[in-house]
Amino acid sequence: MSIASIVLAAILAVFFLLLGSAKVLATQQMRDRAAHVGFSIGAYRGVGALEVCGAVGLLVGILWWPVGAAAGMGLVLLMIGAAATHLHKRDSVREFAPAVITCLVAFGYLVVSLGATR
């Protein structure tokens, strides 16, 4: 793994661990977000669990790149779904930009980490 892929993995892991944990714990802010997008609390907790698993996968991927690549792909797909949900709800750019930016960072992680394995 390259230094860039390790740094991106660590940044993404912290981000998804924090947000995913808040969703799993169903904090009030996350309950409000779930209601806004029309998700049940259980479904939103499921999304949070996927985010936490993705974060753990990125960290494991520092030692074994295939796990990191799978986690990165899963997080990219999750963020595509998040952006699509925000667009469906007609949210403003300010509300859905974090999902798009995070998706691009996760995609960048994939490009850098898969390029480093060659």
PDB file of N, CA and C in Angstrom:
ATOM      1  N   MET A   1       0.840  -1.178   0.000  1.00  0.00           N
ATOM      2  CA  MET A   1       0.000   0.000   0.000  1.00  0.00           C
ATOM      3  C   MET A   1       0.886   1.242   0.000  1.00  0.00           C
ATOM      4  N   SER A   2       0.393   2.251  -0.665  1.00  0.00           N
ATOM      5  CA  SER A   2       1.126   3.517  -0.686  1.00  0.00           C
ATOM      6  C   SER A   2       0.730   4.368   0.513  1.00  0.00           C
ATOM      7  N   ILE A   3       1.514   5.371   0.775  1.00  0.00           N
ATOM      8  CA  ILE A   3       1.203   6.304   1.861  1.00  0.00           C
ATOM      9  C   ILE A   3      -0.145   6.979   1.591  1.00  0.00           C
ATOM     10  N   ALA A   4      -0.383   7.351   0.343  1.00  0.00           N
ATOM     11  CA  ALA A   4      -1.642   8.022  -0.012  1.00  0.00           C
ATOM     12  C   ALA A   4      -2.847   7.132   0.274  1.00  0.00           C
ATOM     13  N   SER A   5      -2.749   5.857  -0.055  1.00  0.00           N
ATOM     14  CA  SER A   5      -3.884   4.965   0.191  1.00  0.00           C
ATOM     15  C   SER A   5      -4.102   4.740   1.684  1.00  0.00           C
ATOM     16  N   ILE A   6      -3.031   4.693   2.451  1.00  0.00           N
ATOM     17  CA  ILE A   6      -3.163   4.538   3.904  1.00  0.00           C
ATOM     18  C   ILE A   6      -3.821   5.775   4.511  1.00  0.00           C
ATOM     19  N   VAL A   7      -3.397   6.960   4.065  1.00  0.00           N
ATOM     20  CA  VAL A   7      -3.981   8.203   4.579  1.00  0.00           C
ATOM     21  C   VAL A   7      -5.461   8.284   4.214  1.00  0.00           C
ATOM     22  N   LEU A   8      -5.793   7.991   2.949  1.00  0.00           N
ATOM     23  CA  LEU A   8      -7.203   8.034   2.530  1.00  0.00           C
ATOM     24  C   LEU A   8      -8.031   7.004   3.291  1.00  0.00           C
ATOM     25  N   ALA A   9      -7.486   5.813   3.498  1.00  0.00           N
ATOM     26  CA  ALA A   9      -8.202   4.783   4.252  1.00  0.00           C
ATOM     27  C   ALA A   9      -8.472   5.255   5.677  1.00  0.00           C
ATOM     28  N   ALA A  10      -7.484   5.862   6.299  1.00  0.00           N
ATOM     29  CA  ALA A  10      -7.645   6.335   7.684  1.00  0.00           C
ATOM     30  C   ALA A  10      -8.679   7.456   7.769  1.00  0.00           C
ATOM     31  N   ILE A  11      -8.615   8.411   6.847  1.00  0.00           N
ATOM     32  CA  ILE A  11      -9.582   9.518   6.848  1.00  0.00           C
ATOM     33  C   ILE A  11     -10.995   8.994   6.639  1.00  0.00           C
ATOM     34  N   LEU A  12     -11.168   8.137   5.639  1.00  0.00           N
ATOM     35  CA  LEU A  12     -12.497   7.573   5.368  1.00  0.00           C
ATOM     36  C   LEU A  12     -12.981   6.724   6.539  1.00  0.00           C
ATOM     37  N   ALA A  13     -12.077   5.965   7.140  1.00  0.00           N
ATOM     38  CA  ALA A  13     -12.477   5.103   8.255  1.00  0.00           C
ATOM     39  C   ALA A  13     -12.983   5.935   9.433  1.00  0.00           C
ATOM     40  N   VAL A  14     -12.282   7.000   9.764  1.00  0.00           N
ATOM     41  CA  VAL A  14     -12.730   7.861  10.869  1.00  0.00           C
ATOM     42  C   VAL A  14     -14.100   8.457  10.543  1.00  0.00           C
ATOM     43  N   PHE A  15     -14.250   8.964   9.328  1.00  0.00           N
ATOM     44  CA  PHE A  15     -15.514   9.569   8.905  1.00  0.00           C
ATOM     45  C   PHE A  15     -16.670   8.575   9.015  1.00  0.00           C
ATOM     46  N   PHE A  16     -16.481   7.386   8.451  1.00  0.00           N
ATOM     47  CA  PHE A  16     -17.570   6.402   8.451  1.00  0.00           C
ATOM     48  C   PHE A  16     -17.787   5.781   9.824  1.00  0.00           C
ATOM     49  N   LEU A  17     -16.741   5.660  10.633  1.00  0.00           N
ATOM     50  CA  LEU A  17     -16.938   5.172  11.999  1.00  0.00           C
ATOM     51  C   LEU A  17     -17.792   6.144  12.806  1.00  0.00           C
ATOM     52  N   LEU A  18     -17.522   7.430  12.661  1.00  0.00           N
ATOM     53  CA  LEU A  18     -18.295   8.434  13.397  1.00  0.00           C
ATOM     54  C   LEU A  18     -19.748   8.484  12.931  1.00  0.00           C
ATOM     55  N   LEU A  19     -19.953   8.619  11.626  1.00  0.00           N
ATOM     56  CA  LEU A  19     -21.324   8.711  11.123  1.00  0.00           C
ATOM     57  C   LEU A  19     -22.084   7.398  11.287  1.00  0.00           C
ATOM     58  N   GLY A  20     -21.419   6.303  10.998  1.00  0.00           N
ATOM     59  CA  GLY A  20     -22.077   5.009  11.129  1.00  0.00           C
ATOM     60  C   GLY A  20     -22.471   4.712  12.566  1.00  0.00           C
ATOM     61  N   SER A  21     -21.593   5.039  13.505  1.00  0.00           N
ATOM     62  CA  SER A  21     -21.908   4.828  14.921  1.00  0.00           C
ATOM     63  C   SER A  21     -23.087   5.676  15.357  1.00  0.00           C
ATOM     64  N   ALA A  22     -23.145   6.918  14.892  1.00  0.00           N
ATOM     65  CA  ALA A  22     -24.275   7.791  15.240  1.00  0.00           C
ATOM     66  C   ALA A  22     -25.587   7.217  14.699  1.00  0.00           C
ATOM     67  N   LYS A  23     -25.528   6.623  13.521  1.00  0.00           N
ATOM     68  CA  LYS A  23     -26.736   6.014  12.950  1.00  0.00           C
ATOM     69  C   LYS A  23     -27.124   4.757  13.724  1.00  0.00           C
ATOM     70  N   VAL A  24     -26.159   3.929  14.044  1.00  0.00           N
ATOM     71  CA  VAL A  24     -26.441   2.705  14.798  1.00  0.00           C
ATOM     72  C   VAL A  24     -27.016   3.048  16.174  1.00  0.00           C
ATOM     73  N   LEU A  25     -26.467   4.084  16.804  1.00  0.00           N
ATOM     74  CA  LEU A  25     -26.951   4.507  18.118  1.00  0.00           C
ATOM     75  C   LEU A  25     -28.251   5.303  18.032  1.00  0.00           C
ATOM     76  N   ALA A  26     -28.651   5.648  16.826  1.00  0.00           N
ATOM     77  CA  ALA A  26     -29.895   6.393  16.569  1.00  0.00           C
ATOM     78  C   ALA A  26     -29.949   7.689  17.371  1.00  0.00           C
ATOM     79  N   THR A  27     -28.890   8.491  17.246  1.00  0.00           N
ATOM     80  CA  THR A  27     -28.892   9.800  17.893  1.00  0.00           C
ATOM     81  C   THR A  27     -30.040  10.636  17.324  1.00  0.00           C
ATOM     82  N   GLN A  28     -30.420  11.661  18.033  1.00  0.00           N
ATOM     83  CA  GLN A  28     -31.573  12.455  17.599  1.00  0.00           C
ATOM     84  C   GLN A  28     -31.359  13.048  16.206  1.00  0.00           C
ATOM     85  N   GLN A  29     -30.160  13.536  15.933  1.00  0.00           N
ATOM     86  CA  GLN A  29     -29.882  14.100  14.615  1.00  0.00           C
ATOM     87  C   GLN A  29     -30.059  13.035  13.529  1.00  0.00           C
ATOM     88  N   MET A  30     -29.621  11.820  13.793  1.00  0.00           N
ATOM     89  CA  MET A  30     -29.766  10.753  12.809  1.00  0.00           C
ATOM     90  C   MET A  30     -31.223  10.309  12.679  1.00  0.00           C
ATOM     91  N   ARG A  31     -31.965  10.338  13.768  1.00  0.00           N
ATOM     92  CA  ARG A  31     -33.402  10.048  13.693  1.00  0.00           C
ATOM     93  C   ARG A  31     -34.107  11.080  12.801  1.00  0.00           C
ATOM     94  N   ASP A  32     -33.710  12.330  12.957  1.00  0.00           N
ATOM     95  CA  ASP A  32     -34.284  13.390  12.122  1.00  0.00           C
ATOM     96  C   ASP A  32     -33.927  13.188  10.654  1.00  0.00           C
ATOM     97  N   ARG A  33     -32.667  12.811  10.385  1.00  0.00           N
ATOM     98  CA  ARG A  33     -32.241  12.559   8.994  1.00  0.00           C
ATOM     99  C   ARG A  33     -32.983  11.360   8.413  1.00  0.00           C
ATOM    100  N   ALA A  34     -33.152  10.321   9.219  1.00  0.00           N
ATOM    101  CA  ALA A  34     -33.884   9.138   8.754  1.00  0.00           C
ATOM    102  C   ALA A  34     -35.316   9.511   8.381  1.00  0.00           C
ATOM    103  N   ALA A  35     -35.953  10.296   9.226  1.00  0.00           N
ATOM    104  CA  ALA A  35     -37.329  10.720   8.945  1.00  0.00           C
ATOM    105  C   ALA A  35     -37.377  11.579   7.680  1.00  0.00           C
ATOM    106  N   HIS A  36     -36.382  12.429   7.504  1.00  0.00           N
ATOM    107  CA  HIS A  36     -36.343  13.308   6.337  1.00  0.00           C
ATOM    108  C   HIS A  36     -36.300  12.509   5.030  1.00  0.00           C
ATOM    109  N   VAL A  37     -35.505  11.457   5.007  1.00  0.00           N
ATOM    110  CA  VAL A  37     -35.372  10.681   3.773  1.00  0.00           C
ATOM    111  C   VAL A  37     -36.373   9.537   3.686  1.00  0.00           C
ATOM    112  N   GLY A  38     -37.205   9.385   4.717  1.00  0.00           N
ATOM    113  CA  GLY A  38     -38.246   8.369   4.675  1.00  0.00           C
ATOM    114  C   GLY A  38     -37.793   6.976   5.072  1.00  0.00           C
ATOM    115  N   PHE A  39     -36.720   6.879   5.840  1.00  0.00           N
ATOM    116  CA  PHE A  39     -36.222   5.593   6.304  1.00  0.00           C
ATOM    117  C   PHE A  39     -36.738   5.329   7.712  1.00  0.00           C
ATOM    118  N   SER A  40     -36.979   4.073   8.012  1.00  0.00           N
ATOM    119  CA  SER A  40     -37.276   3.718   9.395  1.00  0.00           C
ATOM    120  C   SER A  40     -35.979   3.797  10.195  1.00  0.00           C
ATOM    121  N   ILE A  41     -36.112   3.869  11.509  1.00  0.00           N
ATOM    122  CA  ILE A  41     -34.908   3.897  12.354  1.00  0.00           C
ATOM    123  C   ILE A  41     -34.106   2.606  12.149  1.00  0.00           C
ATOM    124  N   GLY A  42     -34.799   1.475  12.029  1.00  0.00           N
ATOM    125  CA  GLY A  42     -34.112   0.206  11.810  1.00  0.00           C
ATOM    126  C   GLY A  42     -33.322   0.187  10.509  1.00  0.00           C
ATOM    127  N   ALA A  43     -33.920   0.723   9.448  1.00  0.00           N
ATOM    128  CA  ALA A  43     -33.223   0.772   8.161  1.00  0.00           C
ATOM    129  C   ALA A  43     -32.010   1.696   8.241  1.00  0.00           C
ATOM    130  N   TYR A  44     -32.175   2.827   8.934  1.00  0.00           N
ATOM    131  CA  TYR A  44     -31.064   3.764   9.057  1.00  0.00           C
ATOM    132  C   TYR A  44     -29.945   3.161   9.904  1.00  0.00           C
ATOM    133  N   ARG A  45     -30.324   2.382  10.914  1.00  0.00           N
ATOM    134  CA  ARG A  45     -29.303   1.670  11.693  1.00  0.00           C
ATOM    135  C   ARG A  45     -28.568   0.667  10.805  1.00  0.00           C
ATOM    136  N   GLY A  46     -29.294   0.037   9.892  1.00  0.00           N
ATOM    137  CA  GLY A  46     -28.658  -0.884   8.952  1.00  0.00           C
ATOM    138  C   GLY A  46     -27.638  -0.179   8.073  1.00  0.00           C
ATOM    139  N   VAL A  47     -27.986   1.016   7.593  1.00  0.00           N
ATOM    140  CA  VAL A  47     -27.043   1.815   6.811  1.00  0.00           C
ATOM    141  C   VAL A  47     -25.820   2.134   7.667  1.00  0.00           C
ATOM    142  N   GLY A  48     -26.053   2.511   8.923  1.00  0.00           N
ATOM    143  CA  GLY A  48     -24.946   2.801   9.828  1.00  0.00           C
ATOM    144  C   GLY A  48     -24.050   1.594  10.040  1.00  0.00           C
ATOM    145  N   ALA A  49     -24.654   0.423  10.166  1.00  0.00           N
ATOM    146  CA  ALA A  49     -23.859  -0.800  10.343  1.00  0.00           C
ATOM    147  C   ALA A  49     -22.992  -1.058   9.107  1.00  0.00           C
ATOM    148  N   LEU A  50     -23.542  -0.809   7.924  1.00  0.00           N
ATOM    149  CA  LEU A  50     -22.756  -0.969   6.702  1.00  0.00           C
ATOM    150  C   LEU A  50     -21.593   0.019   6.663  1.00  0.00           C
ATOM    151  N   GLU A  51     -21.843   1.241   7.133  1.00  0.00           N
ATOM    152  CA  GLU A  51     -20.769   2.236   7.171  1.00  0.00           C
ATOM    153  C   GLU A  51     -19.669   1.823   8.147  1.00  0.00           C
ATOM    154  N   VAL A  52     -20.048   1.319   9.314  1.00  0.00           N
ATOM    155  CA  VAL A  52     -19.056   0.861  10.294  1.00  0.00           C
ATOM    156  C   VAL A  52     -18.272  -0.325   9.727  1.00  0.00           C
ATOM    157  N   CYS A  53     -18.958  -1.266   9.104  1.00  0.00           N
ATOM    158  CA  CYS A  53     -18.264  -2.415   8.494  1.00  0.00           C
ATOM    159  C   CYS A  53     -17.308  -1.956   7.396  1.00  0.00           C
ATOM    160  N   GLY A  54     -17.736  -0.979   6.600  1.00  0.00           N
ATOM    161  CA  GLY A  54     -16.860  -0.443   5.563  1.00  0.00           C
ATOM    162  C   GLY A  54     -15.621   0.204   6.153  1.00  0.00           C
ATOM    163  N   ALA A  55     -15.802   0.939   7.245  1.00  0.00           N
ATOM    164  CA  ALA A  55     -14.665   1.582   7.908  1.00  0.00           C
ATOM    165  C   ALA A  55     -13.681   0.543   8.430  1.00  0.00           C
ATOM    166  N   VAL A  56     -14.201  -0.489   9.050  1.00  0.00           N
ATOM    167  CA  VAL A  56     -13.330  -1.560   9.556  1.00  0.00           C
ATOM    168  C   VAL A  56     -12.616  -2.237   8.388  1.00  0.00           C
ATOM    169  N   GLY A  57     -13.340  -2.454   7.299  1.00  0.00           N
ATOM    170  CA  GLY A  57     -12.734  -3.060   6.114  1.00  0.00           C
ATOM    171  C   GLY A  57     -11.604  -2.218   5.540  1.00  0.00           C
ATOM    172  N   LEU A  58     -11.779  -0.894   5.555  1.00  0.00           N
ATOM    173  CA  LEU A  58     -10.694  -0.025   5.087  1.00  0.00           C
ATOM    174  C   LEU A  58      -9.454  -0.171   5.957  1.00  0.00           C
ATOM    175  N   LEU A  59      -9.655  -0.266   7.260  1.00  0.00           N
ATOM    176  CA  LEU A  59      -8.514  -0.415   8.170  1.00  0.00           C
ATOM    177  C   LEU A  59      -7.836  -1.773   7.996  1.00  0.00           C
ATOM    178  N   VAL A  60      -8.631  -2.817   7.841  1.00  0.00           N
ATOM    179  CA  VAL A  60      -8.056  -4.145   7.568  1.00  0.00           C
ATOM    180  C   VAL A  60      -7.318  -4.126   6.226  1.00  0.00           C
ATOM    181  N   GLY A  61      -7.866  -3.352   5.288  1.00  0.00           N
ATOM    182  CA  GLY A  61      -7.256  -3.246   3.964  1.00  0.00           C
ATOM    183  C   GLY A  61      -5.867  -2.658   3.967  1.00  0.00           C
ATOM    184  N   ILE A  62      -5.509  -1.972   5.025  1.00  0.00           N
ATOM    185  CA  ILE A  62      -4.134  -1.468   5.130  1.00  0.00           C
ATOM    186  C   ILE A  62      -3.156  -2.638   5.191  1.00  0.00           C
ATOM    187  N   LEU A  63      -3.592  -3.733   5.813  1.00  0.00           N
ATOM    188  CA  LEU A  63      -2.748  -4.921   5.916  1.00  0.00           C
ATOM    189  C   LEU A  63      -2.981  -5.913   4.776  1.00  0.00           C
ATOM    190  N   TRP A  64      -4.204  -5.982   4.282  1.00  0.00           N
ATOM    191  CA  TRP A  64      -4.535  -6.929   3.204  1.00  0.00           C
ATOM    192  C   TRP A  64      -5.417  -6.212   2.200  1.00  0.00           C
ATOM    193  N   TRP A  65      -4.835  -5.762   1.102  1.00  0.00           N
ATOM    194  CA  TRP A  65      -5.489  -4.865   0.168  1.00  0.00           C
ATOM    195  C   TRP A  65      -6.819  -5.372  -0.402  1.00  0.00           C
ATOM    196  N   PRO A  66      -7.035  -6.679  -0.632  1.00  0.00           N
ATOM    197  CA  PRO A  66      -8.335  -7.076  -1.191  1.00  0.00           C
ATOM    198  C   PRO A  66      -9.524  -6.704  -0.293  1.00  0.00           C
ATOM    199  N   VAL A  67      -9.330  -6.766   1.010  1.00  0.00           N
ATOM    200  CA  VAL A  67     -10.413  -6.386   1.926  1.00  0.00           C
ATOM    201  C   VAL A  67     -10.677  -4.882   1.813  1.00  0.00           C
ATOM    202  N   GLY A  68      -9.617  -4.104   1.742  1.00  0.00           N
ATOM    203  CA  GLY A  68      -9.773  -2.655   1.586  1.00  0.00           C
ATOM    204  C   GLY A  68     -10.459  -2.291   0.284  1.00  0.00           C
ATOM    205  N   ALA A  69     -10.115  -3.010  -0.778  1.00  0.00           N
ATOM    206  CA  ALA A  69     -10.745  -2.744  -2.075  1.00  0.00           C
ATOM    207  C   ALA A  69     -12.238  -3.071  -2.022  1.00  0.00           C
ATOM    208  N   ALA A  70     -12.586  -4.184  -1.414  1.00  0.00           N
ATOM    209  CA  ALA A  70     -14.007  -4.557  -1.299  1.00  0.00           C
ATOM    210  C   ALA A  70     -14.764  -3.541  -0.448  1.00  0.00           C
ATOM    211  N   ALA A  71     -14.149  -3.113   0.647  1.00  0.00           N
ATOM    212  CA  ALA A  71     -14.783  -2.112   1.509  1.00  0.00           C
ATOM    213  C   ALA A  71     -14.943  -0.795   0.766  1.00  0.00           C
ATOM    214  N   GLY A  72     -13.916  -0.393   0.040  1.00  0.00           N
ATOM    215  CA  GLY A  72     -13.984   0.846  -0.732  1.00  0.00           C
ATOM    216  C   GLY A  72     -15.091   0.805  -1.773  1.00  0.00           C
ATOM    217  N   MET A  73     -15.217  -0.321  -2.463  1.00  0.00           N
ATOM    218  CA  MET A  73     -16.284  -0.462  -3.461  1.00  0.00           C
ATOM    219  C   MET A  73     -17.657  -0.394  -2.798  1.00  0.00           C
ATOM    220  N   GLY A  74     -17.783  -1.069  -1.665  1.00  0.00           N
ATOM    221  CA  GLY A  74     -19.052  -1.027  -0.944  1.00  0.00           C
ATOM    222  C   GLY A  74     -19.412   0.379  -0.498  1.00  0.00           C
ATOM    223  N   LEU A  75     -18.430   1.137  -0.034  1.00  0.00           N
ATOM    224  CA  LEU A  75     -18.691   2.505   0.413  1.00  0.00           C
ATOM    225  C   LEU A  75     -19.017   3.427  -0.754  1.00  0.00           C
ATOM    226  N   VAL A  76     -18.365   3.216  -1.890  1.00  0.00           N
ATOM    227  CA  VAL A  76     -18.714   3.997  -3.084  1.00  0.00           C
ATOM    228  C   VAL A  76     -20.173   3.738  -3.458  1.00  0.00           C
ATOM    229  N   LEU A  77     -20.566   2.473  -3.482  1.00  0.00           N
ATOM    230  CA  LEU A  77     -21.961   2.144  -3.815  1.00  0.00           C
ATOM    231  C   LEU A  77     -22.932   2.719  -2.784  1.00  0.00           C
ATOM    232  N   LEU A  78     -22.565   2.667  -1.528  1.00  0.00           N
ATOM    233  CA  LEU A  78     -23.409   3.223  -0.468  1.00  0.00           C
ATOM    234  C   LEU A  78     -23.583   4.728  -0.653  1.00  0.00           C
ATOM    235  N   MET A  79     -22.519   5.424  -1.008  1.00  0.00           N
ATOM    236  CA  MET A  79     -22.599   6.872  -1.201  1.00  0.00           C
ATOM    237  C   MET A  79     -23.343   7.239  -2.484  1.00  0.00           C
ATOM    238  N   ILE A  80     -23.271   6.395  -3.498  1.00  0.00           N
ATOM    239  CA  ILE A  80     -24.095   6.618  -4.696  1.00  0.00           C
ATOM    240  C   ILE A  80     -25.568   6.529  -4.308  1.00  0.00           C
ATOM    241  N   GLY A  81     -25.899   5.532  -3.489  1.00  0.00           N
ATOM    242  CA  GLY A  81     -27.270   5.406  -2.995  1.00  0.00           C
ATOM    243  C   GLY A  81     -27.686   6.592  -2.153  1.00  0.00           C
ATOM    244  N   ALA A  82     -26.770   7.106  -1.322  1.00  0.00           N
ATOM    245  CA  ALA A  82     -27.070   8.277  -0.497  1.00  0.00           C
ATOM    246  C   ALA A  82     -27.333   9.498  -1.370  1.00  0.00           C
ATOM    247  N   ALA A  83     -26.489   9.710  -2.374  1.00  0.00           N
ATOM    248  CA  ALA A  83     -26.679  10.854  -3.273  1.00  0.00           C
ATOM    249  C   ALA A  83     -27.997  10.727  -4.037  1.00  0.00           C
ATOM    250  N   ALA A  84     -28.309   9.518  -4.489  1.00  0.00           N
ATOM    251  CA  ALA A  84     -29.572   9.305  -5.200  1.00  0.00           C
ATOM    252  C   ALA A  84     -30.770   9.576  -4.296  1.00  0.00           C
ATOM    253  N   THR A  85     -30.663   9.184  -3.034  1.00  0.00           N
ATOM    254  CA  THR A  85     -31.746   9.444  -2.080  1.00  0.00           C
ATOM    255  C   THR A  85     -31.926  10.945  -1.871  1.00  0.00           C
ATOM    256  N   HIS A  86     -30.834  11.668  -1.725  1.00  0.00           N
ATOM    257  CA  HIS A  86     -30.917  13.124  -1.559  1.00  0.00           C
ATOM    258  C   HIS A  86     -31.526  13.781  -2.795  1.00  0.00           C
ATOM    259  N   LEU A  87     -31.139  13.319  -3.974  1.00  0.00           N
ATOM    260  CA  LEU A  87     -31.711  13.873  -5.201  1.00  0.00           C
ATOM    261  C   LEU A  87     -33.202  13.557  -5.292  1.00  0.00           C
ATOM    262  N   HIS A  88     -33.563  12.349  -4.924  1.00  0.00           N
ATOM    263  CA  HIS A  88     -34.973  11.944  -4.943  1.00  0.00           C
ATOM    264  C   HIS A  88     -35.813  12.821  -4.013  1.00  0.00           C
ATOM    265  N   LYS A  89     -35.248  13.193  -2.889  1.00  0.00           N
ATOM    266  CA  LYS A  89     -35.940  14.050  -1.919  1.00  0.00           C
ATOM    267  C   LYS A  89     -35.841  15.527  -2.289  1.00  0.00           C
ATOM    268  N   ARG A  90     -35.169  15.801  -3.403  1.00  0.00           N
ATOM    269  CA  ARG A  90     -34.983  17.180  -3.886  1.00  0.00           C
ATOM    270  C   ARG A  90     -34.260  18.064  -2.861  1.00  0.00           C
ATOM    271  N   ASP A  91     -33.289  17.463  -2.198  1.00  0.00           N
ATOM    272  CA  ASP A  91     -32.479  18.208  -1.244  1.00  0.00           C
ATOM    273  C   ASP A  91     -31.596  19.212  -1.985  1.00  0.00           C
ATOM    274  N   SER A  92     -31.190  20.227  -1.284  1.00  0.00           N
ATOM    275  CA  SER A  92     -30.295  21.228  -1.882  1.00  0.00           C
ATOM    276  C   SER A  92     -28.894  20.630  -2.040  1.00  0.00           C
ATOM    277  N   VAL A  93     -28.093  21.315  -2.828  1.00  0.00           N
ATOM    278  CA  VAL A  93     -26.714  20.871  -3.040  1.00  0.00           C
ATOM    279  C   VAL A  93     -25.984  20.785  -1.701  1.00  0.00           C
ATOM    280  N   ARG A  94     -26.259  21.717  -0.823  1.00  0.00           N
ATOM    281  CA  ARG A  94     -25.602  21.726   0.487  1.00  0.00           C
ATOM    282  C   ARG A  94     -25.894  20.444   1.266  1.00  0.00           C
ATOM    283  N   GLU A  95     -27.079  19.885   1.093  1.00  0.00           N
ATOM    284  CA  GLU A  95     -27.445  18.673   1.829  1.00  0.00           C
ATOM    285  C   GLU A  95     -26.870  17.407   1.208  1.00  0.00           C
ATOM    286  N   PHE A  96     -26.751  17.356  -0.138  1.00  0.00           N
ATOM    287  CA  PHE A  96     -26.250  16.113  -0.724  1.00  0.00           C
ATOM    288  C   PHE A  96     -24.780  16.170  -1.140  1.00  0.00           C
ATOM    289  N   ALA A  97     -24.164  17.337  -1.056  1.00  0.00           N
ATOM    290  CA  ALA A  97     -22.748  17.450  -1.416  1.00  0.00           C
ATOM    291  C   ALA A  97     -21.835  16.541  -0.582  1.00  0.00           C
ATOM    292  N   PRO A  98     -22.066  16.397   0.741  1.00  0.00           N
ATOM    293  CA  PRO A  98     -21.178  15.497   1.493  1.00  0.00           C
ATOM    294  C   PRO A  98     -21.177  14.060   0.962  1.00  0.00           C
ATOM    295  N   ALA A  99     -22.334  13.569   0.522  1.00  0.00           N
ATOM    296  CA  ALA A  99     -22.386  12.209  -0.028  1.00  0.00           C
ATOM    297  C   ALA A  99     -21.587  12.120  -1.322  1.00  0.00           C
ATOM    298  N   VAL A 100     -21.692  13.137  -2.163  1.00  0.00           N
ATOM    299  CA  VAL A 100     -20.965  13.139  -3.435  1.00  0.00           C
ATOM    300  C   VAL A 100     -19.459  13.248  -3.185  1.00  0.00           C
ATOM    301  N   ILE A 101     -19.068  14.150  -2.295  1.00  0.00           N
ATOM    302  CA  ILE A 101     -17.645  14.335  -2.005  1.00  0.00           C
ATOM    303  C   ILE A 101     -17.055  13.070  -1.387  1.00  0.00           C
ATOM    304  N   THR A 102     -17.784  12.484  -0.449  1.00  0.00           N
ATOM    305  CA  THR A 102     -17.304  11.247   0.183  1.00  0.00           C
ATOM    306  C   THR A 102     -17.194  10.122  -0.835  1.00  0.00           C
ATOM    307  N   CYS A 103     -18.143  10.055  -1.751  1.00  0.00           N
ATOM    308  CA  CYS A 103     -18.090   9.045  -2.813  1.00  0.00           C
ATOM    309  C   CYS A 103     -16.834   9.242  -3.664  1.00  0.00           C
ATOM    310  N   LEU A 104     -16.539  10.484  -4.008  1.00  0.00           N
ATOM    311  CA  LEU A 104     -15.353  10.764  -4.818  1.00  0.00           C
ATOM    312  C   LEU A 104     -14.058  10.434  -4.067  1.00  0.00           C
ATOM    313  N   VAL A 105     -14.022  10.720  -2.768  1.00  0.00           N
ATOM    314  CA  VAL A 105     -12.839  10.386  -1.973  1.00  0.00           C
ATOM    315  C   VAL A 105     -12.670   8.865  -1.894  1.00  0.00           C
ATOM    316  N   ALA A 106     -13.782   8.152  -1.687  1.00  0.00           N
ATOM    317  CA  ALA A 106     -13.720   6.681  -1.643  1.00  0.00           C
ATOM    318  C   ALA A 106     -13.280   6.121  -2.996  1.00  0.00           C
ATOM    319  N   PHE A 107     -13.761   6.726  -4.075  1.00  0.00           N
ATOM    320  CA  PHE A 107     -13.336   6.287  -5.405  1.00  0.00           C
ATOM    321  C   PHE A 107     -11.845   6.569  -5.592  1.00  0.00           C
ATOM    322  N   GLY A 108     -11.410   7.729  -5.121  1.00  0.00           N
ATOM    323  CA  GLY A 108      -9.976   8.050  -5.183  1.00  0.00           C
ATOM    324  C   GLY A 108      -9.136   7.046  -4.414  1.00  0.00           C
ATOM    325  N   TYR A 109      -9.644   6.638  -3.246  1.00  0.00           N
ATOM    326  CA  TYR A 109      -8.958   5.604  -2.471  1.00  0.00           C
ATOM    327  C   TYR A 109      -8.803   4.334  -3.312  1.00  0.00           C
ATOM    328  N   LEU A 110      -9.877   3.946  -3.995  1.00  0.00           N
ATOM    329  CA  LEU A 110      -9.804   2.736  -4.829  1.00  0.00           C
ATOM    330  C   LEU A 110      -8.760   2.874  -5.926  1.00  0.00           C
ATOM    331  N   VAL A 111      -8.764   4.010  -6.592  1.00  0.00           N
ATOM    332  CA  VAL A 111      -7.807   4.232  -7.678  1.00  0.00           C
ATOM    333  C   VAL A 111      -6.379   4.165  -7.145  1.00  0.00           C
ATOM    334  N   VAL A 112      -6.134   4.849  -6.044  1.00  0.00           N
ATOM    335  CA  VAL A 112      -4.778   4.881  -5.478  1.00  0.00           C
ATOM    336  C   VAL A 112      -4.366   3.509  -4.950  1.00  0.00           C
ATOM    337  N   SER A 113      -5.267   2.852  -4.215  1.00  0.00           N
ATOM    338  CA  SER A 113      -4.888   1.574  -3.602  1.00  0.00           C
ATOM    339  C   SER A 113      -4.754   0.469  -4.648  1.00  0.00           C
ATOM    340  N   LEU A 114      -5.623   0.455  -5.638  1.00  0.00           N
ATOM    341  CA  LEU A 114      -5.491  -0.578  -6.671  1.00  0.00           C
ATOM    342  C   LEU A 114      -4.297  -0.304  -7.571  1.00  0.00           C
ATOM    343  N   GLY A 115      -3.980   0.969  -7.785  1.00  0.00           N
ATOM    344  CA  GLY A 115      -2.792   1.310  -8.550  1.00  0.00           C
ATOM    345  C   GLY A 115      -1.512   0.929  -7.825  1.00  0.00           C
ATOM    346  N   ALA A 116      -1.552   0.982  -6.491  1.00  0.00           N
ATOM    347  CA  ALA A 116      -0.373   0.657  -5.691  1.00  0.00           C
ATOM    348  C   ALA A 116      -0.109  -0.840  -5.652  1.00  0.00           C
ATOM    349  N   THR A 117      -1.103  -1.663  -5.981  1.00  0.00           N
ATOM    350  CA  THR A 117      -0.911  -3.108  -5.920  1.00  0.00           C
ATOM    351  C   THR A 117      -0.246  -3.640  -7.185  1.00  0.00           C
ATOM    352  N   ARG A 118      -0.107  -2.834  -8.188  1.00  0.00           N
ATOM    353  CA  ARG A 118       0.475  -3.295  -9.458  1.00  0.00           C
ATOM    354  C   ARG A 118       1.971  -3.235  -9.424  1.00  0.00           C
TER     355      ARG A 118
END
